[in-house]
Amino acid sequence: MSSTLLYGNFAPLFITVKFSEAEFKRGRTSLGDEERSRRLQTDQNIVKVHPMVLDDRRIKVKEIAEAMNTSKEHSCHILNQDIDMRKLSELCRQFSHA
């Protein structure tokens, strides 16, 4: 059976097939994405950042980043997306373009 019949015009690249083969040889049973703990880590960061902002509304993003040991961009993401503090978005845009 040719790959054109099997995949149509969307056949995977040869390197992708070889990588998948190697993964299965190492014992992997699925090609789906594995569960990641990133959301749990973000939730823990939110729990730490939110009280910092409530205690000092004039806290700087740099101070949050240093206290959390993360980048300024990540701190801005937590403030804008997770805590929904939109007034900081202009300041955070400056960090992402700097």
N, C-alpha and C. Protein backbone atom coordinates (compact mmCIF):
# COMPACT_ATOMS: atom_id res chain seq x y z
N MET A 1 0.86 -1.17 0.00
CA MET A 1 0.00 0.00 0.00
C MET A 1 0.91 1.24 0.00
N SER A 2 0.63 2.18 -0.84
CA SER A 2 1.47 3.38 -0.92
C SER A 2 1.03 4.39 0.14
N SER A 3 1.97 5.26 0.51
CA SER A 3 1.67 6.25 1.54
C SER A 3 0.66 7.28 1.04
N THR A 4 0.57 7.46 -0.29
CA THR A 4 -0.41 8.40 -0.83
C THR A 4 -1.82 7.92 -0.56
N LEU A 5 -2.05 6.61 -0.68
CA LEU A 5 -3.38 6.08 -0.38
C LEU A 5 -3.67 6.16 1.11
N LEU A 6 -2.65 5.94 1.90
CA LEU A 6 -2.85 5.92 3.35
C LEU A 6 -3.02 7.32 3.93
N TYR A 7 -2.16 8.24 3.53
CA TYR A 7 -2.17 9.58 4.11
C TYR A 7 -2.69 10.67 3.19
N GLY A 8 -2.88 10.40 1.93
CA GLY A 8 -3.28 11.43 0.98
C GLY A 8 -2.13 12.40 0.78
N ASN A 9 -2.40 13.67 0.71
CA ASN A 9 -1.37 14.68 0.52
C ASN A 9 -0.74 15.13 1.84
N PHE A 10 -1.11 14.49 2.93
CA PHE A 10 -0.65 14.93 4.25
C PHE A 10 0.24 13.88 4.91
N ALA A 11 1.10 13.25 4.18
CA ALA A 11 2.01 12.25 4.72
C ALA A 11 3.04 12.92 5.63
N PRO A 12 3.38 12.27 6.76
CA PRO A 12 4.39 12.86 7.65
C PRO A 12 5.77 12.83 7.00
N LEU A 13 6.62 13.72 7.45
CA LEU A 13 7.99 13.75 6.95
C LEU A 13 8.73 12.49 7.39
N PHE A 14 9.73 12.13 6.62
CA PHE A 14 10.52 10.93 6.92
C PHE A 14 11.13 11.03 8.32
N ILE A 15 11.64 12.18 8.68
CA ILE A 15 12.26 12.36 10.00
C ILE A 15 11.25 12.14 11.12
N THR A 16 9.99 12.52 10.88
CA THR A 16 8.94 12.31 11.87
C THR A 16 8.68 10.83 12.07
N VAL A 17 8.66 10.09 10.97
CA VAL A 17 8.44 8.65 11.04
C VAL A 17 9.59 7.98 11.78
N LYS A 18 10.82 8.39 11.48
CA LYS A 18 11.98 7.79 12.14
C LYS A 18 11.99 8.12 13.64
N PHE A 19 11.62 9.33 13.99
CA PHE A 19 11.55 9.72 15.39
C PHE A 19 10.49 8.88 16.11
N SER A 20 9.34 8.70 15.50
CA SER A 20 8.27 7.90 16.10
C SER A 20 8.72 6.46 16.29
N GLU A 21 9.40 5.93 15.30
CA GLU A 21 9.90 4.56 15.39
C GLU A 21 10.86 4.42 16.57
N ALA A 22 11.75 5.38 16.73
CA ALA A 22 12.70 5.35 17.85
C ALA A 22 11.98 5.45 19.19
N GLU A 23 10.95 6.27 19.26
CA GLU A 23 10.18 6.40 20.50
C GLU A 23 9.52 5.07 20.88
N PHE A 24 8.95 4.38 19.91
CA PHE A 24 8.31 3.10 20.17
C PHE A 24 9.34 2.05 20.59
N LYS A 25 10.52 2.11 20.02
CA LYS A 25 11.57 1.17 20.41
C LYS A 25 12.01 1.39 21.84
N ARG A 26 11.91 2.63 22.33
CA ARG A 26 12.26 2.94 23.72
C ARG A 26 11.15 2.60 24.69
N GLY A 27 10.02 2.12 24.18
CA GLY A 27 8.94 1.68 25.06
C GLY A 27 7.73 2.57 25.11
N ARG A 28 7.72 3.62 24.35
CA ARG A 28 6.55 4.50 24.34
C ARG A 28 5.39 3.78 23.67
N THR A 29 4.19 3.96 24.17
CA THR A 29 3.04 3.24 23.62
C THR A 29 2.08 4.13 22.84
N SER A 30 2.28 5.44 22.90
CA SER A 30 1.38 6.35 22.23
C SER A 30 2.17 7.55 21.71
N LEU A 31 1.69 8.15 20.64
CA LEU A 31 2.33 9.35 20.10
C LEU A 31 1.65 10.63 20.57
N GLY A 32 0.60 10.49 21.37
CA GLY A 32 -0.11 11.66 21.88
C GLY A 32 0.75 12.42 22.86
N ASP A 33 0.41 13.68 23.11
CA ASP A 33 1.15 14.50 24.05
C ASP A 33 0.99 13.95 25.46
N GLU A 34 2.07 13.98 26.19
CA GLU A 34 2.03 13.53 27.57
C GLU A 34 1.48 14.64 28.45
N GLU A 35 0.91 14.24 29.57
CA GLU A 35 0.37 15.20 30.53
C GLU A 35 1.50 16.06 31.08
N ARG A 36 1.27 17.34 31.20
CA ARG A 36 2.29 18.25 31.72
C ARG A 36 1.79 18.89 32.99
N SER A 37 2.72 19.20 33.86
CA SER A 37 2.35 19.80 35.15
C SER A 37 2.44 21.33 35.09
N ARG A 38 2.54 21.90 33.92
CA ARG A 38 2.69 23.35 33.77
C ARG A 38 1.52 24.11 34.38
N ARG A 39 0.30 23.61 34.21
CA ARG A 39 -0.87 24.30 34.76
C ARG A 39 -0.81 24.35 36.28
N LEU A 40 -0.37 23.25 36.89
CA LEU A 40 -0.24 23.21 38.34
C LEU A 40 0.77 24.24 38.81
N GLN A 41 1.88 24.35 38.10
CA GLN A 41 2.91 25.32 38.46
C GLN A 41 2.37 26.75 38.31
N THR A 42 1.62 27.00 37.24
CA THR A 42 1.03 28.32 37.04
C THR A 42 0.04 28.64 38.15
N ASP A 43 -0.77 27.65 38.55
CA ASP A 43 -1.71 27.87 39.64
C ASP A 43 -0.99 28.22 40.94
N GLN A 44 0.13 27.56 41.19
CA GLN A 44 0.91 27.88 42.39
C GLN A 44 1.48 29.29 42.31
N ASN A 45 1.91 29.69 41.13
CA ASN A 45 2.43 31.05 40.95
C ASN A 45 1.35 32.09 41.16
N ILE A 46 0.14 31.81 40.69
CA ILE A 46 -0.98 32.74 40.86
C ILE A 46 -1.26 32.94 42.35
N VAL A 47 -1.23 31.85 43.09
CA VAL A 47 -1.48 31.92 44.53
C VAL A 47 -0.43 32.78 45.23
N LYS A 48 0.80 32.80 44.70
CA LYS A 48 1.87 33.61 45.29
C LYS A 48 1.80 35.07 44.84
N VAL A 49 1.48 35.30 43.57
CA VAL A 49 1.52 36.66 43.02
C VAL A 49 0.33 37.49 43.48
N HIS A 50 -0.83 36.91 43.52
CA HIS A 50 -2.04 37.67 43.83
C HIS A 50 -1.95 38.40 45.17
N PRO A 51 -1.52 37.75 46.26
CA PRO A 51 -1.40 38.49 47.52
C PRO A 51 -0.33 39.58 47.46
N MET A 52 0.72 39.36 46.69
CA MET A 52 1.75 40.39 46.56
C MET A 52 1.16 41.66 45.98
N VAL A 53 0.32 41.51 44.98
CA VAL A 53 -0.30 42.67 44.32
C VAL A 53 -1.34 43.31 45.23
N LEU A 54 -2.09 42.50 45.97
CA LEU A 54 -3.09 43.05 46.88
C LEU A 54 -2.44 43.81 48.03
N ASP A 55 -1.27 43.33 48.47
CA ASP A 55 -0.57 44.02 49.57
C ASP A 55 0.04 45.34 49.12
N ASP A 56 0.55 45.38 47.91
CA ASP A 56 1.20 46.59 47.40
C ASP A 56 0.76 46.79 45.95
N ARG A 57 -0.22 47.65 45.75
CA ARG A 57 -0.75 47.86 44.40
C ARG A 57 0.25 48.53 43.47
N ARG A 58 1.28 49.12 44.03
CA ARG A 58 2.28 49.81 43.21
C ARG A 58 3.53 48.95 42.98
N ILE A 59 3.42 47.66 43.26
CA ILE A 59 4.55 46.77 43.07
C ILE A 59 4.94 46.73 41.60
N LYS A 60 6.20 46.62 41.34
CA LYS A 60 6.70 46.62 39.96
C LYS A 60 6.77 45.18 39.44
N VAL A 61 6.59 45.04 38.14
CA VAL A 61 6.66 43.73 37.51
C VAL A 61 8.04 43.12 37.76
N LYS A 62 9.05 43.95 37.73
CA LYS A 62 10.42 43.48 37.98
C LYS A 62 10.53 42.86 39.38
N GLU A 63 9.90 43.49 40.36
CA GLU A 63 9.93 42.97 41.73
C GLU A 63 9.21 41.64 41.83
N ILE A 64 8.10 41.52 41.13
CA ILE A 64 7.36 40.25 41.13
C ILE A 64 8.21 39.17 40.48
N ALA A 65 8.82 39.50 39.36
CA ALA A 65 9.65 38.52 38.64
C ALA A 65 10.81 38.05 39.51
N GLU A 66 11.44 38.98 40.22
CA GLU A 66 12.55 38.61 41.08
C GLU A 66 12.09 37.75 42.25
N ALA A 67 10.95 38.10 42.85
CA ALA A 67 10.43 37.33 43.98
C ALA A 67 10.00 35.92 43.55
N MET A 68 9.48 35.81 42.33
CA MET A 68 9.01 34.51 41.83
C MET A 68 10.11 33.72 41.12
N ASN A 69 11.25 34.38 40.89
CA ASN A 69 12.35 33.78 40.15
C ASN A 69 11.90 33.35 38.75
N THR A 70 11.15 34.25 38.09
CA THR A 70 10.69 34.02 36.72
C THR A 70 11.04 35.24 35.88
N SER A 71 10.73 35.17 34.61
CA SER A 71 10.98 36.30 33.73
C SER A 71 9.90 37.37 33.91
N LYS A 72 10.19 38.56 33.44
CA LYS A 72 9.20 39.64 33.48
C LYS A 72 8.01 39.30 32.60
N GLU A 73 8.29 38.66 31.46
CA GLU A 73 7.21 38.27 30.54
C GLU A 73 6.26 37.29 31.19
N HIS A 74 6.82 36.31 31.92
CA HIS A 74 5.97 35.33 32.59
C HIS A 74 5.14 36.00 33.69
N SER A 75 5.75 36.92 34.41
CA SER A 75 5.02 37.65 35.44
C SER A 75 3.88 38.46 34.83
N CYS A 76 4.15 39.09 33.68
CA CYS A 76 3.10 39.85 32.99
C CYS A 76 1.98 38.93 32.55
N HIS A 77 2.33 37.75 32.07
CA HIS A 77 1.30 36.80 31.62
C HIS A 77 0.41 36.41 32.80
N ILE A 78 1.01 36.15 33.94
CA ILE A 78 0.21 35.81 35.12
C ILE A 78 -0.71 36.96 35.49
N LEU A 79 -0.18 38.19 35.50
CA LEU A 79 -0.99 39.34 35.87
C LEU A 79 -2.12 39.60 34.88
N ASN A 80 -1.81 39.51 33.59
CA ASN A 80 -2.81 39.84 32.56
C ASN A 80 -3.81 38.72 32.32
N GLN A 81 -3.31 37.53 32.09
CA GLN A 81 -4.17 36.43 31.67
C GLN A 81 -4.81 35.68 32.83
N ASP A 82 -4.04 35.44 33.88
CA ASP A 82 -4.54 34.59 34.96
C ASP A 82 -5.24 35.37 36.07
N ILE A 83 -4.70 36.53 36.44
CA ILE A 83 -5.31 37.33 37.50
C ILE A 83 -6.24 38.39 36.92
N ASP A 84 -6.13 38.64 35.63
CA ASP A 84 -7.00 39.57 34.90
C ASP A 84 -6.79 41.02 35.35
N MET A 85 -5.56 41.41 35.49
CA MET A 85 -5.22 42.80 35.80
C MET A 85 -4.80 43.46 34.50
N ARG A 86 -5.74 44.01 33.79
CA ARG A 86 -5.53 44.51 32.45
C ARG A 86 -4.79 45.85 32.39
N LYS A 87 -4.83 46.63 33.44
CA LYS A 87 -4.18 47.94 33.38
C LYS A 87 -2.67 47.83 33.28
N LEU A 88 -2.14 46.69 33.57
CA LEU A 88 -0.71 46.48 33.47
C LEU A 88 -0.29 46.06 32.07
N SER A 89 -1.26 45.86 31.19
CA SER A 89 -0.93 45.29 29.88
C SER A 89 0.01 46.19 29.08
N GLU A 90 -0.12 47.51 29.18
CA GLU A 90 0.77 48.41 28.44
C GLU A 90 2.21 48.26 28.94
N LEU A 91 2.37 48.21 30.24
CA LEU A 91 3.69 48.02 30.82
C LEU A 91 4.28 46.67 30.40
N CYS A 92 3.47 45.64 30.39
CA CYS A 92 3.95 44.31 30.02
C CYS A 92 4.32 44.25 28.54
N ARG A 93 3.63 44.98 27.71
CA ARG A 93 3.99 45.00 26.28
C ARG A 93 5.38 45.58 26.07
N GLN A 94 5.76 46.52 26.92
CA GLN A 94 7.09 47.10 26.81
C GLN A 94 8.16 46.04 27.08
N PHE A 95 7.91 45.13 28.02
CA PHE A 95 8.88 44.08 28.32
C PHE A 95 8.99 43.09 27.18
N SER A 96 7.88 42.76 26.55
CA SER A 96 7.91 41.75 25.50
C SER A 96 8.57 42.26 24.24
N HIS A 97 8.62 43.59 24.02
CA HIS A 97 9.23 44.14 22.82
C HIS A 97 10.64 44.67 23.08
N ALA A 98 11.07 44.64 24.32
CA ALA A 98 12.40 45.17 24.66
C ALA A 98 13.50 44.16 24.36
